[in-house]
Amino acid sequence: MLKSLSKIFSPRARARLPAVPDGTRYYVIGDIHGRLDLYEALIDAIEADDQNSGSADSRVILLGDLVDRGPDSAGVIKRTRKWQKNRDVRVLAGNHEEMFLQSFEKPDILRHFLKHGGRETIMSYGISKKQFNAMTLDELHALLPQIISQKERDYVASFEEMIIAGDYVFVHAGVDPSVPLDAQKRSDMLWIRDRFLNHEGALEKVVVHGHTIFDTVMDCGNRIGIDTGAFRSGVLTALVLEGEDRRVIQTSDHDGKVGVHTAKDTRAAS
């Protein structure tokens, strides 16, 4: 009798938390949008953190939207390619990369691209404001392949759609909650918003995403949004995942000076 009562009133085992595979450490970076200054500072902070955090198989994932809106999309792409030479860095496609590539197809698509930050991207490839303003849409469309090489476009086209690690899945925008992960549409992974953001139930894995801007890291249990609007807020976020642990590294721009901030647990931060 006493034994059976002790079983009833004994403390429950701690619920297992989502985790990445043992021995790995993931640095997941939100939407950069041409903010090379914040990105450079975040790379330095990640490298220092990794060196000081003990041995691990460390990996970096960029959640897409490297380009548009901020001042140096070309520089962000160039810096990413350089980083990949000595670090395991994987890049997801965002909706802005998709618009960027489609803008080469015809002027009407280019017009749409320009309205959503493409102007800044094109100028980052060496076109002055004066030159840009003097060109017609057709002239600009004809110029694009001359200033942005096929090699550069092929690189952007190679960006992935989804990455899975342990109990987490990484995508740019989110997933369709009604569809298994292995049947997701590219259009949803790059563009979805309300159907995903309004879903409160459990998902197949914890979804780490960008695309939708939040003032702070949005940890909802079933998903974690880490797009903190770098191009307008001056804050770029990296989520660090190791075992069951979650923490955050951010770089921020205050009056032209970039600083670094860390937080211990996203579950407390949200």
C-alpha atoms as a PDB file:
ATOM      1  CA  MET A   1       0.000   0.000   0.000  1.00  0.00           C
ATOM      2  CA  LEU A   2       2.755   2.437   0.953  1.00  0.00           C
ATOM      3  CA  LYS A   3       4.644   1.604  -2.235  1.00  0.00           C
ATOM      4  CA  SER A   4       1.591   2.247  -4.385  1.00  0.00           C
ATOM      5  CA  LEU A   5       0.957   5.608  -2.645  1.00  0.00           C
ATOM      6  CA  SER A   6       4.583   6.629  -3.131  1.00  0.00           C
ATOM      7  CA  LYS A   7       4.226   5.988  -6.832  1.00  0.00           C
ATOM      8  CA  ILE A   8       1.138   8.188  -6.995  1.00  0.00           C
ATOM      9  CA  PHE A   9       2.718  11.101  -5.143  1.00  0.00           C
ATOM     10  CA  SER A  10       6.289  10.823  -6.428  1.00  0.00           C
ATOM     11  CA  PRO A  11       7.505  13.731  -8.603  1.00  0.00           C
ATOM     12  CA  ARG A  12       6.736  13.324 -12.275  1.00  0.00           C
ATOM     13  CA  ALA A  13       9.619  12.884 -14.673  1.00  0.00           C
ATOM     14  CA  ARG A  14      10.592  16.114 -16.423  1.00  0.00           C
ATOM     15  CA  ALA A  15       9.020  16.427 -19.841  1.00  0.00           C
ATOM     16  CA  ARG A  16      11.539  16.046 -22.646  1.00  0.00           C
ATOM     17  CA  LEU A  17      12.274  19.337 -24.403  1.00  0.00           C
ATOM     18  CA  PRO A  18      12.960  19.686 -28.141  1.00  0.00           C
ATOM     19  CA  ALA A  19      16.609  19.110 -28.972  1.00  0.00           C
ATOM     20  CA  VAL A  20      19.102  19.085 -31.808  1.00  0.00           C
ATOM     21  CA  PRO A  21      21.236  15.937 -32.244  1.00  0.00           C
ATOM     22  CA  ASP A  22      23.826  15.253 -29.540  1.00  0.00           C
ATOM     23  CA  GLY A  23      27.198  16.821 -30.170  1.00  0.00           C
ATOM     24  CA  THR A  24      25.874  19.506 -32.521  1.00  0.00           C
ATOM     25  CA  ARG A  25      25.513  23.240 -32.074  1.00  0.00           C
ATOM     26  CA  TYR A  26      23.339  25.277 -34.446  1.00  0.00           C
ATOM     27  CA  TYR A  27      23.552  29.013 -35.062  1.00  0.00           C
ATOM     28  CA  VAL A  28      20.403  30.066 -36.945  1.00  0.00           C
ATOM     29  CA  ILE A  29      20.356  33.602 -38.368  1.00  0.00           C
ATOM     30  CA  GLY A  30      17.203  35.510 -39.241  1.00  0.00           C
ATOM     31  CA  ASP A  31      16.504  37.777 -42.201  1.00  0.00           C
ATOM     32  CA  ILE A  32      19.592  39.909 -42.946  1.00  0.00           C
ATOM     33  CA  HIS A  33      18.099  42.066 -45.732  1.00  0.00           C
ATOM     34  CA  GLY A  34      21.297  43.716 -46.893  1.00  0.00           C
ATOM     35  CA  ARG A  35      22.538  44.779 -43.420  1.00  0.00           C
ATOM     36  CA  LEU A  36      26.152  43.746 -43.954  1.00  0.00           C
ATOM     37  CA  ASP A  37      27.280  45.764 -40.924  1.00  0.00           C
ATOM     38  CA  LEU A  38      25.069  43.783 -38.539  1.00  0.00           C
ATOM     39  CA  TYR A  39      25.897  40.527 -40.309  1.00  0.00           C
ATOM     40  CA  GLU A  40      29.673  41.059 -40.072  1.00  0.00           C
ATOM     41  CA  ALA A  41      29.347  41.774 -36.348  1.00  0.00           C
ATOM     42  CA  LEU A  42      27.140  38.717 -35.855  1.00  0.00           C
ATOM     43  CA  ILE A  43      29.627  36.468 -37.667  1.00  0.00           C
ATOM     44  CA  ASP A  44      32.365  37.702 -35.324  1.00  0.00           C
ATOM     45  CA  ALA A  45      30.117  37.127 -32.294  1.00  0.00           C
ATOM     46  CA  ILE A  46      29.212  33.611 -33.439  1.00  0.00           C
ATOM     47  CA  GLU A  47      32.822  32.672 -34.068  1.00  0.00           C
ATOM     48  CA  ALA A  48      33.793  33.944 -30.596  1.00  0.00           C
ATOM     49  CA  ASP A  49      30.844  32.163 -28.977  1.00  0.00           C
ATOM     50  CA  ASP A  50      31.670  28.901 -30.706  1.00  0.00           C
ATOM     51  CA  GLN A  51      35.305  29.097 -29.625  1.00  0.00           C
ATOM     52  CA  ASN A  52      34.277  29.711 -26.007  1.00  0.00           C
ATOM     53  CA  SER A  53      31.442  27.158 -25.794  1.00  0.00           C
ATOM     54  CA  GLY A  54      33.373  23.908 -25.903  1.00  0.00           C
ATOM     55  CA  SER A  55      33.820  21.327 -28.603  1.00  0.00           C
ATOM     56  CA  ALA A  56      30.857  20.632 -30.896  1.00  0.00           C
ATOM     57  CA  ASP A  57      29.946  19.956 -34.502  1.00  0.00           C
ATOM     58  CA  SER A  58      28.920  23.557 -35.122  1.00  0.00           C
ATOM     59  CA  ARG A  59      26.696  24.520 -38.022  1.00  0.00           C
ATOM     60  CA  VAL A  60      25.175  27.750 -39.303  1.00  0.00           C
ATOM     61  CA  ILE A  61      21.811  28.171 -41.035  1.00  0.00           C
ATOM     62  CA  LEU A  62      20.674  31.382 -42.699  1.00  0.00           C
ATOM     63  CA  LEU A  63      16.877  31.552 -42.883  1.00  0.00           C
ATOM     64  CA  GLY A  64      16.727  33.425 -46.190  1.00  0.00           C
ATOM     65  CA  ASP A  65      16.017  37.011 -47.259  1.00  0.00           C
ATOM     66  CA  LEU A  66      19.683  37.920 -47.409  1.00  0.00           C
ATOM     67  CA  VAL A  67      18.802  40.529 -50.033  1.00  0.00           C
ATOM     68  CA  ASP A  68      16.634  43.655 -50.516  1.00  0.00           C
ATOM     69  CA  ARG A  69      15.733  46.702 -48.435  1.00  0.00           C
ATOM     70  CA  GLY A  70      19.078  47.150 -46.668  1.00  0.00           C
ATOM     71  CA  PRO A  71      22.033  48.901 -48.322  1.00  0.00           C
ATOM     72  CA  ASP A  72      24.398  46.032 -49.225  1.00  0.00           C
ATOM     73  CA  SER A  73      22.760  42.837 -50.464  1.00  0.00           C
ATOM     74  CA  ALA A  74      25.691  42.129 -52.787  1.00  0.00           C
ATOM     75  CA  GLY A  75      28.049  42.389 -49.827  1.00  0.00           C
ATOM     76  CA  VAL A  76      25.941  40.009 -47.741  1.00  0.00           C
ATOM     77  CA  ILE A  77      26.026  37.373 -50.482  1.00  0.00           C
ATOM     78  CA  LYS A  78      29.760  37.824 -50.972  1.00  0.00           C
ATOM     79  CA  ARG A  79      30.409  37.542 -47.218  1.00  0.00           C
ATOM     80  CA  THR A  80      28.281  34.395 -46.998  1.00  0.00           C
ATOM     81  CA  ARG A  81      30.272  32.707 -49.762  1.00  0.00           C
ATOM     82  CA  LYS A  82      33.491  33.620 -47.983  1.00  0.00           C
ATOM     83  CA  TRP A  83      32.207  32.252 -44.655  1.00  0.00           C
ATOM     84  CA  GLN A  84      31.226  28.982 -46.321  1.00  0.00           C
ATOM     85  CA  LYS A  85      34.863  28.347 -47.217  1.00  0.00           C
ATOM     86  CA  ASN A  86      35.772  27.650 -43.580  1.00  0.00           C
ATOM     87  CA  ARG A  87      32.443  27.031 -41.838  1.00  0.00           C
ATOM     88  CA  ASP A  88      29.453  24.728 -42.398  1.00  0.00           C
ATOM     89  CA  VAL A  89      26.968  27.391 -43.531  1.00  0.00           C
ATOM     90  CA  ARG A  90      23.709  26.396 -45.232  1.00  0.00           C
ATOM     91  CA  VAL A  91      21.358  28.956 -46.738  1.00  0.00           C
ATOM     92  CA  LEU A  92      17.594  28.760 -47.115  1.00  0.00           C
ATOM     93  CA  ALA A  93      15.711  30.506 -49.904  1.00  0.00           C
ATOM     94  CA  GLY A  94      13.474  33.378 -48.902  1.00  0.00           C
ATOM     95  CA  ASN A  95      10.686  35.049 -50.824  1.00  0.00           C
ATOM     96  CA  HIS A  96      13.018  37.959 -51.610  1.00  0.00           C
ATOM     97  CA  GLU A  97      15.556  35.645 -53.234  1.00  0.00           C
ATOM     98  CA  GLU A  98      12.703  34.271 -55.322  1.00  0.00           C
ATOM     99  CA  MET A  99      11.648  37.779 -56.423  1.00  0.00           C
ATOM    100  CA  PHE A 100      15.284  38.636 -57.133  1.00  0.00           C
ATOM    101  CA  LEU A 101      15.708  35.691 -59.510  1.00  0.00           C
ATOM    102  CA  GLN A 102      12.321  36.162 -61.174  1.00  0.00           C
ATOM    103  CA  SER A 103      13.060  39.839 -61.881  1.00  0.00           C
ATOM    104  CA  PHE A 104      15.430  38.754 -64.673  1.00  0.00           C
ATOM    105  CA  GLU A 105      12.540  37.133 -66.568  1.00  0.00           C
ATOM    106  CA  LYS A 106      10.561  40.213 -67.665  1.00  0.00           C
ATOM    107  CA  PRO A 107      10.148  43.919 -66.819  1.00  0.00           C
ATOM    108  CA  ASP A 108       6.758  43.518 -65.109  1.00  0.00           C
ATOM    109  CA  ILE A 109       8.269  41.183 -62.517  1.00  0.00           C
ATOM    110  CA  LEU A 110      11.198  43.570 -62.107  1.00  0.00           C
ATOM    111  CA  ARG A 111       8.710  46.365 -61.380  1.00  0.00           C
ATOM    112  CA  HIS A 112       7.235  44.302 -58.535  1.00  0.00           C
ATOM    113  CA  PHE A 113      10.715  43.469 -57.233  1.00  0.00           C
ATOM    114  CA  LEU A 114      11.703  47.150 -57.151  1.00  0.00           C
ATOM    115  CA  LYS A 115       8.685  47.987 -54.991  1.00  0.00           C
ATOM    116  CA  HIS A 116       9.761  45.454 -52.349  1.00  0.00           C
ATOM    117  CA  GLY A 117      13.383  46.404 -51.794  1.00  0.00           C
ATOM    118  CA  GLY A 118      14.901  45.414 -55.119  1.00  0.00           C
ATOM    119  CA  ARG A 119      16.041  48.963 -55.819  1.00  0.00           C
ATOM    120  CA  GLU A 120      18.561  48.764 -52.985  1.00  0.00           C
ATOM    121  CA  THR A 121      19.717  45.322 -54.107  1.00  0.00           C
ATOM    122  CA  ILE A 122      20.406  46.452 -57.679  1.00  0.00           C
ATOM    123  CA  MET A 123      22.242  49.573 -56.511  1.00  0.00           C
ATOM    124  CA  SER A 124      24.452  47.407 -54.275  1.00  0.00           C
ATOM    125  CA  TYR A 125      25.870  45.820 -57.443  1.00  0.00           C
ATOM    126  CA  GLY A 126      27.478  49.092 -58.478  1.00  0.00           C
ATOM    127  CA  ILE A 127      24.711  51.290 -59.897  1.00  0.00           C
ATOM    128  CA  SER A 128      24.646  54.835 -58.547  1.00  0.00           C
ATOM    129  CA  LYS A 129      21.416  56.510 -57.490  1.00  0.00           C
ATOM    130  CA  LYS A 130      21.807  58.959 -60.375  1.00  0.00           C
ATOM    131  CA  GLN A 131      22.247  56.130 -62.911  1.00  0.00           C
ATOM    132  CA  PHE A 132      19.328  54.211 -61.464  1.00  0.00           C
ATOM    133  CA  ASN A 133      16.970  57.172 -61.584  1.00  0.00           C
ATOM    134  CA  ALA A 134      17.907  57.987 -65.190  1.00  0.00           C
ATOM    135  CA  MET A 135      16.993  54.530 -66.554  1.00  0.00           C
ATOM    136  CA  THR A 136      13.643  53.324 -67.802  1.00  0.00           C
ATOM    137  CA  LEU A 137      12.324  49.991 -66.573  1.00  0.00           C
ATOM    138  CA  ASP A 138      13.230  48.308 -69.856  1.00  0.00           C
ATOM    139  CA  GLU A 139      16.743  49.752 -69.772  1.00  0.00           C
ATOM    140  CA  LEU A 140      17.223  48.535 -66.222  1.00  0.00           C
ATOM    141  CA  HIS A 141      15.933  45.084 -67.116  1.00  0.00           C
ATOM    142  CA  ALA A 142      18.408  44.865 -69.997  1.00  0.00           C
ATOM    143  CA  LEU A 143      21.249  45.945 -67.721  1.00  0.00           C
ATOM    144  CA  LEU A 144      20.612  43.404 -64.934  1.00  0.00           C
ATOM    145  CA  PRO A 145      22.423  40.422 -66.523  1.00  0.00           C
ATOM    146  CA  GLN A 146      25.432  42.643 -67.144  1.00  0.00           C
ATOM    147  CA  ILE A 147      25.872  43.743 -63.530  1.00  0.00           C
ATOM    148  CA  ILE A 148      24.721  40.522 -61.797  1.00  0.00           C
ATOM    149  CA  SER A 149      26.491  37.501 -63.261  1.00  0.00           C
ATOM    150  CA  GLN A 150      24.943  34.149 -64.058  1.00  0.00           C
ATOM    151  CA  LYS A 151      27.294  32.625 -61.509  1.00  0.00           C
ATOM    152  CA  GLU A 152      25.857  34.889 -58.818  1.00  0.00           C
ATOM    153  CA  ARG A 153      22.299  34.016 -59.828  1.00  0.00           C
ATOM    154  CA  ASP A 154      23.089  30.297 -59.884  1.00  0.00           C
ATOM    155  CA  TYR A 155      24.432  30.591 -56.365  1.00  0.00           C
ATOM    156  CA  VAL A 156      21.244  32.243 -55.114  1.00  0.00           C
ATOM    157  CA  ALA A 157      19.154  29.660 -56.986  1.00  0.00           C
ATOM    158  CA  SER A 158      20.994  26.893 -55.090  1.00  0.00           C
ATOM    159  CA  PHE A 159      19.570  27.986 -51.713  1.00  0.00           C
ATOM    160  CA  GLU A 160      17.643  25.216 -49.941  1.00  0.00           C
ATOM    161  CA  GLU A 161      13.960  25.130 -48.973  1.00  0.00           C
ATOM    162  CA  MET A 162      13.986  23.172 -45.695  1.00  0.00           C
ATOM    163  CA  ILE A 163      16.525  21.796 -43.214  1.00  0.00           C
ATOM    164  CA  ILE A 164      15.731  19.337 -40.413  1.00  0.00           C
ATOM    165  CA  ALA A 165      17.845  18.796 -37.296  1.00  0.00           C
ATOM    166  CA  GLY A 166      16.538  16.609 -34.488  1.00  0.00           C
ATOM    167  CA  ASP A 167      13.241  18.008 -33.215  1.00  0.00           C
ATOM    168  CA  TYR A 168      13.546  21.208 -35.266  1.00  0.00           C
ATOM    169  CA  VAL A 169      12.780  22.161 -38.841  1.00  0.00           C
ATOM    170  CA  PHE A 170      14.137  25.347 -40.404  1.00  0.00           C
ATOM    171  CA  VAL A 171      12.288  27.171 -43.190  1.00  0.00           C
ATOM    172  CA  HIS A 172      12.051  30.778 -44.297  1.00  0.00           C
ATOM    173  CA  ALA A 173       8.382  31.640 -43.773  1.00  0.00           C
ATOM    174  CA  GLY A 174       6.783  28.616 -42.122  1.00  0.00           C
ATOM    175  CA  VAL A 175       4.840  25.486 -43.036  1.00  0.00           C
ATOM    176  CA  ASP A 176       1.275  24.549 -43.866  1.00  0.00           C
ATOM    177  CA  PRO A 177       0.065  23.024 -40.551  1.00  0.00           C
ATOM    178  CA  SER A 178      -2.309  20.672 -42.375  1.00  0.00           C
ATOM    179  CA  VAL A 179       0.404  19.023 -44.502  1.00  0.00           C
ATOM    180  CA  PRO A 180       3.271  16.674 -43.472  1.00  0.00           C
ATOM    181  CA  LEU A 181       6.767  18.128 -43.706  1.00  0.00           C
ATOM    182  CA  ASP A 182       7.700  15.882 -46.614  1.00  0.00           C
ATOM    183  CA  ALA A 183       4.771  17.242 -48.657  1.00  0.00           C
ATOM    184  CA  GLN A 184       5.192  20.981 -48.118  1.00  0.00           C
ATOM    185  CA  LYS A 185       4.931  23.343 -51.086  1.00  0.00           C
ATOM    186  CA  ARG A 186       7.774  25.715 -51.899  1.00  0.00           C
ATOM    187  CA  SER A 187       5.300  28.596 -52.077  1.00  0.00           C
ATOM    188  CA  ASP A 188       4.253  28.009 -48.456  1.00  0.00           C
ATOM    189  CA  MET A 189       7.789  27.583 -47.151  1.00  0.00           C
ATOM    190  CA  LEU A 190       8.768  30.921 -48.736  1.00  0.00           C
ATOM    191  CA  TRP A 191       5.557  32.959 -48.396  1.00  0.00           C
ATOM    192  CA  ILE A 192       3.067  31.561 -45.850  1.00  0.00           C
ATOM    193  CA  ARG A 193       1.877  33.779 -43.059  1.00  0.00           C
ATOM    194  CA  ASP A 194      -1.556  33.685 -41.366  1.00  0.00           C
ATOM    195  CA  ARG A 195      -2.398  29.969 -41.733  1.00  0.00           C
ATOM    196  CA  PHE A 196       0.911  29.167 -40.073  1.00  0.00           C
ATOM    197  CA  LEU A 197       1.177  31.985 -37.547  1.00  0.00           C
ATOM    198  CA  ASN A 198      -2.382  31.482 -36.265  1.00  0.00           C
ATOM    199  CA  HIS A 199      -1.943  27.738 -35.730  1.00  0.00           C
ATOM    200  CA  GLU A 200      -1.779  27.012 -31.983  1.00  0.00           C
ATOM    201  CA  GLY A 201      -1.574  23.228 -31.970  1.00  0.00           C
ATOM    202  CA  ALA A 202       1.455  20.990 -32.056  1.00  0.00           C
ATOM    203  CA  LEU A 203       3.433  20.657 -35.269  1.00  0.00           C
ATOM    204  CA  GLU A 204       5.494  17.743 -36.534  1.00  0.00           C
ATOM    205  CA  LYS A 205       8.645  19.542 -35.350  1.00  0.00           C
ATOM    206  CA  VAL A 206       9.373  22.931 -33.801  1.00  0.00           C
ATOM    207  CA  VAL A 207       9.535  25.340 -36.730  1.00  0.00           C
ATOM    208  CA  VAL A 208      12.278  27.974 -36.681  1.00  0.00           C
ATOM    209  CA  HIS A 209      11.442  30.687 -39.205  1.00  0.00           C
ATOM    210  CA  GLY A 210      11.929  34.244 -40.361  1.00  0.00           C
ATOM    211  CA  HIS A 211       9.777  36.220 -42.860  1.00  0.00           C
ATOM    212  CA  THR A 212       7.436  37.834 -40.317  1.00  0.00           C
ATOM    213  CA  ILE A 213       8.956  40.622 -38.241  1.00  0.00           C
ATOM    214  CA  PHE A 214       8.648  40.606 -34.451  1.00  0.00           C
ATOM    215  CA  ASP A 215      10.058  43.098 -31.954  1.00  0.00           C
ATOM    216  CA  THR A 216      11.748  40.253 -30.116  1.00  0.00           C
ATOM    217  CA  VAL A 217      12.283  36.521 -30.576  1.00  0.00           C
ATOM    218  CA  MET A 218       8.817  34.969 -30.729  1.00  0.00           C
ATOM    219  CA  ASP A 219       8.978  31.560 -29.044  1.00  0.00           C
ATOM    220  CA  CYS A 220       5.476  30.066 -29.198  1.00  0.00           C
ATOM    221  CA  GLY A 221       6.429  26.516 -28.312  1.00  0.00           C
ATOM    222  CA  ASN A 222       5.449  25.043 -31.676  1.00  0.00           C
ATOM    223  CA  ARG A 223       7.402  27.669 -33.608  1.00  0.00           C
ATOM    224  CA  ILE A 224      10.153  30.245 -33.044  1.00  0.00           C
ATOM    225  CA  GLY A 225      10.209  33.422 -35.150  1.00  0.00           C
ATOM    226  CA  ILE A 226      13.583  35.162 -35.273  1.00  0.00           C
ATOM    227  CA  ASP A 227      13.120  37.910 -37.885  1.00  0.00           C
ATOM    228  CA  THR A 228      13.662  41.037 -35.790  1.00  0.00           C
ATOM    229  CA  GLY A 229      13.519  43.385 -38.787  1.00  0.00           C
ATOM    230  CA  ALA A 230      17.220  44.145 -39.197  1.00  0.00           C
ATOM    231  CA  PHE A 231      16.689  46.549 -42.114  1.00  0.00           C
ATOM    232  CA  ARG A 232      14.403  48.843 -40.099  1.00  0.00           C
ATOM    233  CA  SER A 233      15.008  48.026 -36.416  1.00  0.00           C
ATOM    234  CA  GLY A 234      18.781  47.686 -36.621  1.00  0.00           C
ATOM    235  CA  VAL A 235      18.610  44.333 -34.770  1.00  0.00           C
ATOM    236  CA  LEU A 236      19.802  41.058 -36.317  1.00  0.00           C
ATOM    237  CA  THR A 237      19.197  37.818 -34.430  1.00  0.00           C
ATOM    238  CA  ALA A 238      20.853  34.412 -34.211  1.00  0.00           C
ATOM    239  CA  LEU A 239      19.192  31.567 -32.323  1.00  0.00           C
ATOM    240  CA  VAL A 240      21.671  29.116 -30.786  1.00  0.00           C
ATOM    241  CA  LEU A 241      20.508  25.528 -30.299  1.00  0.00           C
ATOM    242  CA  GLU A 242      22.550  22.932 -28.430  1.00  0.00           C
ATOM    243  CA  GLY A 243      20.960  19.825 -26.946  1.00  0.00           C
ATOM    244  CA  GLU A 244      17.777  21.094 -25.272  1.00  0.00           C
ATOM    245  CA  ASP A 245      19.232  24.550 -24.691  1.00  0.00           C
ATOM    246  CA  ARG A 246      18.190  27.678 -26.559  1.00  0.00           C
ATOM    247  CA  ARG A 247      19.852  31.053 -26.385  1.00  0.00           C
ATOM    248  CA  VAL A 248      20.103  34.177 -28.486  1.00  0.00           C
ATOM    249  CA  ILE A 249      22.893  36.353 -29.872  1.00  0.00           C
ATOM    250  CA  GLN A 250      21.909  39.701 -31.376  1.00  0.00           C
ATOM    251  CA  THR A 251      23.773  42.546 -32.996  1.00  0.00           C
ATOM    252  CA  SER A 252      22.181  45.971 -32.939  1.00  0.00           C
ATOM    253  CA  ASP A 253      22.854  49.385 -34.415  1.00  0.00           C
ATOM    254  CA  HIS A 254      22.708  52.337 -32.040  1.00  0.00           C
ATOM    255  CA  ASP A 255      23.568  55.633 -33.720  1.00  0.00           C
ATOM    256  CA  GLY A 256      25.936  53.907 -36.125  1.00  0.00           C
ATOM    257  CA  LYS A 257      27.681  51.810 -33.466  1.00  0.00           C
ATOM    258  CA  VAL A 258      27.057  48.065 -33.621  1.00  0.00           C
ATOM    259  CA  GLY A 259      26.890  46.190 -30.332  1.00  0.00           C
ATOM    260  CA  VAL A 260      26.320  42.571 -29.279  1.00  0.00           C
ATOM    261  CA  HIS A 261      23.681  41.295 -26.855  1.00  0.00           C
ATOM    262  CA  THR A 262      23.050  37.756 -25.592  1.00  0.00           C
ATOM    263  CA  ALA A 263      20.062  36.166 -23.864  1.00  0.00           C
ATOM    264  CA  LYS A 264      20.066  32.801 -22.093  1.00  0.00           C
ATOM    265  CA  ASP A 265      16.705  31.257 -22.997  1.00  0.00           C
ATOM    266  CA  THR A 266      14.111  32.174 -25.612  1.00  0.00           C
ATOM    267  CA  ARG A 267      11.367  30.592 -23.535  1.00  0.00           C
ATOM    268  CA  ALA A 268      11.990  33.250 -20.902  1.00  0.00           C
ATOM    269  CA  ALA A 269      12.527  36.014 -23.467  1.00  0.00           C
ATOM    270  CA  SER A 270       9.103  35.642 -25.081  1.00  0.00           C
END
